Amino acid sequence: MPISDTLEVLTFLPGHRPAEFWEWAGPVFASRAAQRELGGPFTDDDRTSWAVAVDGGQVQGVASVRVEGSVALLDHAFVLPAFRGQGVHGALVDARLGLAVLAQARRVRVMANAHSFPRLVRLGFVGTGQRGGYTVMEADGVVLAGRLDLDDLPERSVH
């Protein structure tokens, strides 16, 4: 199923968590089902940016990118079950890659499952190892910035 024309991915930079962020992301963060699926709780710090996918006022997914030095880690990602297979995760990946480029990350790292692996390969990521059922993948941030068409990213607001 294609991405909805009205899907909006809002991004929240480190250190800026307005009330609307907590209104949208808080229920997902508190969800025991989400924590079970991710293998633990969501974490936040002063190096983490967040992307929240919203359509018609309804949260469809949340994801984070944490920058440590020159490396951006596409960290937590959760799409609510009712919205899986509709391109929401891809929109969250694109938004986080845009945030990594904005932070001038020289390397971008992600742990990919079987569903996201092919798309990440097309973007220039290569497998560097395994961690449980995930493939650890990395891409050169400069090369990635050249491959991303930031104008084609889902509409987003940087807060």
N, C-alpha and C. Protein backbone atom coordinates (compact mmCIF):
# COMPACT_ATOMS: atom_id res chain seq x y z
N MET A 1 0.83 -1.17 0.00
CA MET A 1 0.00 0.00 0.00
C MET A 1 0.89 1.25 0.00
N PRO A 2 0.61 2.24 -0.83
CA PRO A 2 1.46 3.44 -0.89
C PRO A 2 1.26 4.35 0.32
N ILE A 3 2.22 5.24 0.49
CA ILE A 3 2.13 6.23 1.56
C ILE A 3 0.96 7.16 1.27
N SER A 4 0.23 7.51 2.29
CA SER A 4 -0.87 8.46 2.18
C SER A 4 -0.33 9.82 1.76
N ASP A 5 -1.10 10.53 0.94
CA ASP A 5 -0.72 11.88 0.53
C ASP A 5 -0.72 12.85 1.71
N THR A 6 -1.38 12.48 2.78
CA THR A 6 -1.49 13.39 3.92
C THR A 6 -0.56 13.01 5.08
N LEU A 7 0.29 12.00 4.88
CA LEU A 7 1.24 11.62 5.93
C LEU A 7 2.24 12.75 6.11
N GLU A 8 2.45 13.13 7.34
CA GLU A 8 3.41 14.16 7.68
C GLU A 8 4.40 13.57 8.68
N VAL A 9 5.68 13.77 8.44
CA VAL A 9 6.69 13.31 9.39
C VAL A 9 7.29 14.55 10.04
N LEU A 10 7.01 14.69 11.32
CA LEU A 10 7.51 15.82 12.10
C LEU A 10 8.82 15.42 12.75
N THR A 11 9.79 16.32 12.74
CA THR A 11 11.07 16.01 13.35
C THR A 11 11.32 16.96 14.51
N PHE A 12 11.95 16.40 15.53
CA PHE A 12 12.23 17.12 16.76
C PHE A 12 13.71 16.99 17.06
N LEU A 13 14.42 18.10 17.05
CA LEU A 13 15.86 18.11 17.24
C LEU A 13 16.24 17.89 18.70
N PRO A 14 17.51 17.53 18.96
CA PRO A 14 17.94 17.30 20.34
C PRO A 14 17.64 18.49 21.24
N GLY A 15 17.19 18.18 22.45
CA GLY A 15 16.94 19.21 23.44
C GLY A 15 15.66 19.99 23.25
N HIS A 16 14.87 19.64 22.26
CA HIS A 16 13.62 20.38 22.02
C HIS A 16 12.46 19.39 21.99
N ARG A 17 11.72 19.32 23.08
CA ARG A 17 10.59 18.40 23.20
C ARG A 17 9.36 19.19 23.63
N PRO A 18 8.70 19.86 22.69
CA PRO A 18 7.50 20.61 23.06
C PRO A 18 6.38 19.66 23.48
N ALA A 19 5.32 20.22 24.03
CA ALA A 19 4.19 19.41 24.51
C ALA A 19 3.63 18.52 23.42
N GLU A 20 3.58 19.01 22.18
CA GLU A 20 3.01 18.20 21.10
C GLU A 20 3.81 16.92 20.86
N PHE A 21 5.13 16.98 21.07
CA PHE A 21 5.95 15.78 20.92
C PHE A 21 5.49 14.71 21.90
N TRP A 22 5.31 15.09 23.16
CA TRP A 22 4.90 14.12 24.18
C TRP A 22 3.48 13.64 23.97
N GLU A 23 2.61 14.52 23.47
CA GLU A 23 1.23 14.11 23.16
C GLU A 23 1.21 13.01 22.11
N TRP A 24 2.07 13.14 21.09
CA TRP A 24 2.09 12.15 20.01
C TRP A 24 2.91 10.92 20.38
N ALA A 25 4.13 11.13 20.86
CA ALA A 25 5.04 10.01 21.08
C ALA A 25 4.85 9.32 22.43
N GLY A 26 4.36 10.06 23.43
CA GLY A 26 4.23 9.50 24.77
C GLY A 26 3.47 8.18 24.85
N PRO A 27 2.28 8.09 24.23
CA PRO A 27 1.54 6.82 24.30
C PRO A 27 2.30 5.65 23.66
N VAL A 28 3.07 5.93 22.61
CA VAL A 28 3.86 4.86 21.99
C VAL A 28 4.99 4.46 22.93
N PHE A 29 5.67 5.46 23.52
CA PHE A 29 6.76 5.19 24.45
C PHE A 29 6.28 4.35 25.63
N ALA A 30 5.07 4.61 26.10
CA ALA A 30 4.54 3.92 27.27
C ALA A 30 3.94 2.55 26.94
N SER A 31 3.80 2.25 25.68
CA SER A 31 3.17 0.99 25.26
C SER A 31 4.04 -0.21 25.61
N ARG A 32 3.49 -1.10 26.40
CA ARG A 32 4.22 -2.33 26.74
C ARG A 32 4.43 -3.19 25.50
N ALA A 33 3.46 -3.18 24.59
CA ALA A 33 3.60 -3.95 23.35
C ALA A 33 4.78 -3.44 22.53
N ALA A 34 4.92 -2.12 22.42
CA ALA A 34 6.05 -1.55 21.67
C ALA A 34 7.37 -1.90 22.36
N GLN A 35 7.42 -1.78 23.68
CA GLN A 35 8.65 -2.10 24.41
C GLN A 35 9.01 -3.57 24.28
N ARG A 36 8.00 -4.44 24.32
CA ARG A 36 8.27 -5.88 24.14
C ARG A 36 8.84 -6.14 22.75
N GLU A 37 8.22 -5.54 21.74
CA GLU A 37 8.66 -5.77 20.37
C GLU A 37 10.07 -5.24 20.13
N LEU A 38 10.40 -4.09 20.75
CA LEU A 38 11.73 -3.50 20.57
C LEU A 38 12.77 -4.11 21.48
N GLY A 39 12.33 -4.88 22.45
CA GLY A 39 13.27 -5.52 23.37
C GLY A 39 13.69 -4.63 24.53
N GLY A 40 12.98 -3.54 24.75
CA GLY A 40 13.29 -2.65 25.86
C GLY A 40 12.60 -1.31 25.67
N PRO A 41 12.79 -0.40 26.61
CA PRO A 41 12.13 0.90 26.53
C PRO A 41 12.81 1.83 25.52
N PHE A 42 12.07 2.83 25.08
CA PHE A 42 12.64 3.90 24.28
C PHE A 42 13.56 4.71 25.18
N THR A 43 14.64 5.24 24.63
CA THR A 43 15.54 6.10 25.39
C THR A 43 15.74 7.41 24.65
N ASP A 44 16.02 8.46 25.40
CA ASP A 44 16.19 9.79 24.83
C ASP A 44 17.33 10.48 25.57
N ASP A 45 18.10 11.29 24.85
CA ASP A 45 19.15 12.08 25.47
C ASP A 45 19.41 13.32 24.62
N ASP A 46 20.43 14.08 24.98
CA ASP A 46 20.69 15.35 24.29
C ASP A 46 21.38 15.18 22.94
N ARG A 47 21.57 13.95 22.47
CA ARG A 47 22.13 13.70 21.14
C ARG A 47 21.09 13.09 20.20
N THR A 48 19.85 12.96 20.67
CA THR A 48 18.82 12.24 19.93
C THR A 48 17.80 13.18 19.31
N SER A 49 17.53 12.94 18.03
CA SER A 49 16.43 13.60 17.32
C SER A 49 15.35 12.56 17.08
N TRP A 50 14.11 13.02 16.96
CA TRP A 50 12.99 12.11 16.77
C TRP A 50 12.19 12.47 15.53
N ALA A 51 11.62 11.48 14.90
CA ALA A 51 10.69 11.65 13.79
C ALA A 51 9.38 10.99 14.21
N VAL A 52 8.28 11.69 14.00
CA VAL A 52 6.96 11.18 14.36
C VAL A 52 6.09 11.26 13.11
N ALA A 53 5.58 10.11 12.66
CA ALA A 53 4.71 10.05 11.49
C ALA A 53 3.27 10.21 11.94
N VAL A 54 2.60 11.22 11.39
CA VAL A 54 1.23 11.56 11.77
C VAL A 54 0.40 11.70 10.51
N ASP A 55 -0.81 11.18 10.53
CA ASP A 55 -1.74 11.33 9.41
C ASP A 55 -3.13 11.58 10.00
N GLY A 56 -3.70 12.71 9.64
CA GLY A 56 -5.03 13.04 10.15
C GLY A 56 -5.07 13.13 11.66
N GLY A 57 -3.98 13.59 12.27
CA GLY A 57 -3.94 13.71 13.72
C GLY A 57 -3.66 12.42 14.45
N GLN A 58 -3.45 11.33 13.71
CA GLN A 58 -3.20 10.03 14.33
C GLN A 58 -1.75 9.63 14.14
N VAL A 59 -1.07 9.31 15.24
CA VAL A 59 0.31 8.85 15.17
C VAL A 59 0.34 7.47 14.54
N GLN A 60 1.25 7.30 13.57
CA GLN A 60 1.40 6.02 12.91
C GLN A 60 2.73 5.35 13.26
N GLY A 61 3.70 6.16 13.67
CA GLY A 61 4.99 5.59 14.04
C GLY A 61 5.93 6.65 14.59
N VAL A 62 6.96 6.19 15.30
CA VAL A 62 7.99 7.06 15.84
C VAL A 62 9.35 6.40 15.61
N ALA A 63 10.38 7.22 15.49
CA ALA A 63 11.72 6.70 15.29
C ALA A 63 12.74 7.75 15.71
N SER A 64 13.95 7.30 16.04
CA SER A 64 14.97 8.23 16.49
C SER A 64 16.27 8.05 15.72
N VAL A 65 17.07 9.10 15.76
CA VAL A 65 18.45 9.07 15.26
C VAL A 65 19.31 9.73 16.32
N ARG A 66 20.38 9.06 16.70
CA ARG A 66 21.28 9.58 17.73
C ARG A 66 22.64 9.80 17.09
N VAL A 67 23.18 11.00 17.26
CA VAL A 67 24.49 11.33 16.69
C VAL A 67 25.53 11.31 17.80
N GLU A 68 26.54 10.47 17.59
CA GLU A 68 27.66 10.36 18.53
C GLU A 68 28.92 10.68 17.75
N GLY A 69 29.47 11.88 17.97
CA GLY A 69 30.63 12.31 17.20
C GLY A 69 30.24 12.48 15.74
N SER A 70 30.89 11.72 14.87
CA SER A 70 30.59 11.83 13.44
C SER A 70 29.73 10.68 12.93
N VAL A 71 29.18 9.88 13.86
CA VAL A 71 28.37 8.71 13.49
C VAL A 71 26.92 8.93 13.91
N ALA A 72 26.01 8.70 12.98
CA ALA A 72 24.57 8.77 13.27
C ALA A 72 24.04 7.35 13.34
N LEU A 73 23.35 7.04 14.42
CA LEU A 73 22.75 5.72 14.60
C LEU A 73 21.24 5.87 14.44
N LEU A 74 20.68 5.21 13.42
CA LEU A 74 19.23 5.16 13.29
C LEU A 74 18.78 4.17 14.34
N ASP A 75 18.28 4.70 15.43
CA ASP A 75 18.05 3.92 16.64
C ASP A 75 16.62 3.39 16.66
N HIS A 76 15.87 3.69 17.66
CA HIS A 76 14.52 3.16 17.84
C HIS A 76 13.63 3.45 16.63
N ALA A 77 12.80 2.48 16.28
CA ALA A 77 11.78 2.70 15.24
C ALA A 77 10.61 1.78 15.55
N PHE A 78 9.42 2.34 15.56
CA PHE A 78 8.23 1.55 15.82
C PHE A 78 7.08 2.12 15.00
N VAL A 79 6.46 1.27 14.20
CA VAL A 79 5.25 1.62 13.45
C VAL A 79 4.11 0.83 14.08
N LEU A 80 3.03 1.53 14.39
CA LEU A 80 1.88 0.85 14.97
C LEU A 80 1.39 -0.24 14.01
N PRO A 81 1.02 -1.39 14.55
CA PRO A 81 0.65 -2.53 13.70
C PRO A 81 -0.38 -2.22 12.60
N ALA A 82 -1.35 -1.38 12.88
CA ALA A 82 -2.39 -1.07 11.89
C ALA A 82 -1.84 -0.35 10.66
N PHE A 83 -0.62 0.21 10.75
CA PHE A 83 -0.08 1.02 9.65
C PHE A 83 1.13 0.39 8.99
N ARG A 84 1.46 -0.82 9.35
CA ARG A 84 2.61 -1.50 8.75
C ARG A 84 2.30 -1.89 7.31
N GLY A 85 3.35 -1.91 6.50
CA GLY A 85 3.20 -2.26 5.09
C GLY A 85 2.64 -1.13 4.24
N GLN A 86 2.59 0.08 4.79
CA GLN A 86 2.02 1.22 4.08
C GLN A 86 3.05 2.31 3.79
N GLY A 87 4.33 2.02 4.01
CA GLY A 87 5.37 2.99 3.71
C GLY A 87 5.73 3.92 4.85
N VAL A 88 5.12 3.73 6.02
CA VAL A 88 5.39 4.61 7.15
C VAL A 88 6.83 4.46 7.61
N HIS A 89 7.30 3.23 7.74
CA HIS A 89 8.68 3.01 8.18
C HIS A 89 9.66 3.65 7.20
N GLY A 90 9.43 3.52 5.90
CA GLY A 90 10.30 4.15 4.90
C GLY A 90 10.33 5.65 5.05
N ALA A 91 9.17 6.25 5.34
CA ALA A 91 9.11 7.70 5.54
C ALA A 91 9.91 8.10 6.78
N LEU A 92 9.85 7.28 7.83
CA LEU A 92 10.62 7.55 9.04
C LEU A 92 12.12 7.39 8.78
N VAL A 93 12.51 6.39 7.98
CA VAL A 93 13.92 6.23 7.61
C VAL A 93 14.39 7.46 6.85
N ASP A 94 13.62 7.90 5.86
CA ASP A 94 14.01 9.07 5.06
C ASP A 94 14.18 10.30 5.94
N ALA A 95 13.26 10.52 6.86
CA ALA A 95 13.35 11.69 7.75
C ALA A 95 14.60 11.61 8.61
N ARG A 96 14.90 10.42 9.13
CA ARG A 96 16.08 10.27 9.98
C ARG A 96 17.37 10.41 9.19
N LEU A 97 17.37 9.95 7.94
CA LEU A 97 18.55 10.15 7.11
C LEU A 97 18.76 11.64 6.85
N GLY A 98 17.67 12.36 6.63
CA GLY A 98 17.77 13.80 6.47
C GLY A 98 18.35 14.46 7.71
N LEU A 99 17.95 13.99 8.89
CA LEU A 99 18.49 14.53 10.15
C LEU A 99 19.98 14.19 10.29
N ALA A 100 20.38 13.00 9.85
CA ALA A 100 21.79 12.61 9.90
C ALA A 100 22.62 13.51 8.99
N VAL A 101 22.10 13.78 7.80
CA VAL A 101 22.79 14.68 6.86
C VAL A 101 22.88 16.08 7.46
N LEU A 102 21.78 16.54 8.05
CA LEU A 102 21.75 17.86 8.69
C LEU A 102 22.81 17.96 9.79
N ALA A 103 23.03 16.86 10.50
CA ALA A 103 24.04 16.82 11.58
C ALA A 103 25.44 16.60 11.04
N GLN A 104 25.58 16.50 9.72
CA GLN A 104 26.87 16.29 9.04
C GLN A 104 27.56 15.01 9.49
N ALA A 105 26.77 13.96 9.69
CA ALA A 105 27.33 12.66 10.06
C ALA A 105 28.18 12.11 8.93
N ARG A 106 29.35 11.60 9.27
CA ARG A 106 30.23 11.02 8.26
C ARG A 106 29.92 9.54 8.04
N ARG A 107 29.31 8.88 9.04
CA ARG A 107 28.88 7.49 8.93
C ARG A 107 27.46 7.41 9.47
N VAL A 108 26.67 6.53 8.85
CA VAL A 108 25.32 6.29 9.33
C VAL A 108 25.20 4.78 9.54
N ARG A 109 24.72 4.39 10.71
CA ARG A 109 24.62 2.98 11.08
C ARG A 109 23.18 2.65 11.45
N VAL A 110 22.76 1.44 11.08
CA VAL A 110 21.40 0.98 11.40
C VAL A 110 21.42 -0.54 11.54
N MET A 111 20.51 -1.05 12.35
CA MET A 111 20.31 -2.50 12.41
C MET A 111 19.04 -2.78 11.63
N ALA A 112 19.19 -3.55 10.55
CA ALA A 112 18.09 -3.76 9.62
C ALA A 112 17.49 -5.15 9.77
N ASN A 113 16.16 -5.19 9.66
CA ASN A 113 15.51 -6.50 9.59
C ASN A 113 15.34 -6.87 8.12
N ALA A 114 14.78 -8.02 7.86
CA ALA A 114 14.64 -8.50 6.48
C ALA A 114 13.79 -7.57 5.63
N HIS A 115 12.83 -6.88 6.22
CA HIS A 115 11.95 -6.00 5.45
C HIS A 115 12.65 -4.73 5.00
N SER A 116 13.50 -4.15 5.85
CA SER A 116 14.15 -2.88 5.50
C SER A 116 15.47 -3.07 4.76
N PHE A 117 16.04 -4.26 4.82
CA PHE A 117 17.35 -4.52 4.23
C PHE A 117 17.44 -4.13 2.74
N PRO A 118 16.53 -4.58 1.87
CA PRO A 118 16.68 -4.24 0.44
C PRO A 118 16.68 -2.74 0.16
N ARG A 119 15.82 -2.00 0.83
CA ARG A 119 15.75 -0.55 0.61
C ARG A 119 17.03 0.12 1.06
N LEU A 120 17.58 -0.32 2.19
CA LEU A 120 18.81 0.28 2.69
C LEU A 120 19.98 -0.02 1.75
N VAL A 121 20.01 -1.21 1.16
CA VAL A 121 21.04 -1.52 0.17
C VAL A 121 20.93 -0.57 -1.02
N ARG A 122 19.71 -0.32 -1.48
CA ARG A 122 19.51 0.61 -2.61
C ARG A 122 20.00 2.02 -2.27
N LEU A 123 19.93 2.39 -1.00
CA LEU A 123 20.38 3.72 -0.57
C LEU A 123 21.90 3.79 -0.39
N GLY A 124 22.57 2.63 -0.45
CA GLY A 124 24.03 2.62 -0.33
C GLY A 124 24.57 2.02 0.94
N PHE A 125 23.71 1.46 1.77
CA PHE A 125 24.17 0.80 2.99
C PHE A 125 24.75 -0.57 2.65
N VAL A 126 25.75 -0.98 3.42
CA VAL A 126 26.34 -2.31 3.27
C VAL A 126 26.32 -3.00 4.63
N GLY A 127 26.15 -4.31 4.59
CA GLY A 127 26.16 -5.10 5.81
C GLY A 127 27.56 -5.17 6.39
N THR A 128 27.66 -4.99 7.71
CA THR A 128 28.96 -5.06 8.38
C THR A 128 28.98 -6.11 9.48
N GLY A 129 27.85 -6.77 9.73
CA GLY A 129 27.80 -7.79 10.76
C GLY A 129 26.37 -8.18 11.09
N GLN A 130 26.24 -9.06 12.06
CA GLN A 130 24.94 -9.53 12.52
C GLN A 130 24.82 -9.27 14.01
N ARG A 131 23.62 -8.95 14.44
CA ARG A 131 23.33 -8.81 15.87
C ARG A 131 21.94 -9.41 16.08
N GLY A 132 21.92 -10.60 16.62
CA GLY A 132 20.65 -11.31 16.75
C GLY A 132 20.07 -11.54 15.37
N GLY A 133 18.79 -11.21 15.19
CA GLY A 133 18.14 -11.37 13.90
C GLY A 133 18.28 -10.17 12.98
N TYR A 134 19.16 -9.24 13.32
CA TYR A 134 19.33 -8.02 12.54
C TYR A 134 20.68 -7.99 11.84
N THR A 135 20.73 -7.32 10.69
CA THR A 135 21.98 -7.07 9.99
C THR A 135 22.43 -5.65 10.34
N VAL A 136 23.64 -5.53 10.85
CA VAL A 136 24.22 -4.21 11.12
C VAL A 136 24.67 -3.67 9.77
N MET A 137 24.21 -2.46 9.42
CA MET A 137 24.53 -1.86 8.14
C MET A 137 25.10 -0.46 8.35
N GLU A 138 25.98 -0.05 7.44
CA GLU A 138 26.55 1.28 7.50
C GLU A 138 26.60 1.89 6.11
N ALA A 139 26.60 3.23 6.10
CA ALA A 139 26.76 3.97 4.85
C ALA A 139 27.62 5.19 5.12
N ASP A 140 28.33 5.63 4.12
CA ASP A 140 29.11 6.85 4.19
C ASP A 140 28.15 8.03 4.15
N GLY A 141 28.22 8.90 5.14
CA GLY A 141 27.30 10.02 5.23
C GLY A 141 27.39 10.98 4.07
N VAL A 142 28.59 11.21 3.55
CA VAL A 142 28.77 12.13 2.43
C VAL A 142 28.15 11.54 1.17
N VAL A 143 28.41 10.26 0.93
CA VAL A 143 27.82 9.59 -0.25
C VAL A 143 26.31 9.55 -0.11
N LEU A 144 25.83 9.24 1.08
CA LEU A 144 24.40 9.17 1.34
C LEU A 144 23.73 10.52 1.07
N ALA A 145 24.37 11.60 1.51
CA ALA A 145 23.82 12.94 1.28
C ALA A 145 23.65 13.20 -0.21
N GLY A 146 24.58 12.72 -1.02
CA GLY A 146 24.48 12.90 -2.47
C GLY A 146 23.38 12.07 -3.10
N ARG A 147 23.04 10.96 -2.49
CA ARG A 147 21.99 10.08 -3.03
C ARG A 147 20.59 10.47 -2.59
N LEU A 148 20.51 11.18 -1.48
CA LEU A 148 19.21 11.58 -0.96
C LEU A 148 18.68 12.78 -1.72
N ASP A 149 17.44 12.72 -2.10
CA ASP A 149 16.78 13.89 -2.67
C ASP A 149 15.93 14.46 -1.55
N LEU A 150 16.52 15.40 -0.82
CA LEU A 150 15.84 15.92 0.36
C LEU A 150 14.53 16.61 0.00
N ASP A 151 14.37 17.03 -1.26
CA ASP A 151 13.11 17.64 -1.68
C ASP A 151 11.99 16.60 -1.77
N ASP A 152 12.36 15.31 -1.91
CA ASP A 152 11.37 14.26 -2.03
C ASP A 152 11.01 13.61 -0.70
N LEU A 153 11.63 14.06 0.37
CA LEU A 153 11.28 13.50 1.67
C LEU A 153 9.85 13.88 2.00
N PRO A 154 9.17 13.08 2.82
CA PRO A 154 7.81 13.45 3.23
C PRO A 154 7.85 14.82 3.88
N GLU A 155 6.75 15.55 3.74
CA GLU A 155 6.69 16.88 4.35
C GLU A 155 6.97 16.74 5.84
N ARG A 156 7.79 17.64 6.32
CA ARG A 156 8.12 17.56 7.74
C ARG A 156 8.35 18.96 8.27
N SER A 157 8.17 19.08 9.55
CA SER A 157 8.42 20.34 10.23
C SER A 157 9.52 20.10 11.24
N VAL A 158 10.54 20.92 11.22
CA VAL A 158 11.62 20.80 12.19
C VAL A 158 11.31 21.73 13.34
N HIS A 159 11.18 21.16 14.53
CA HIS A 159 10.85 21.93 15.73
C HIS A 159 12.08 22.06 16.59
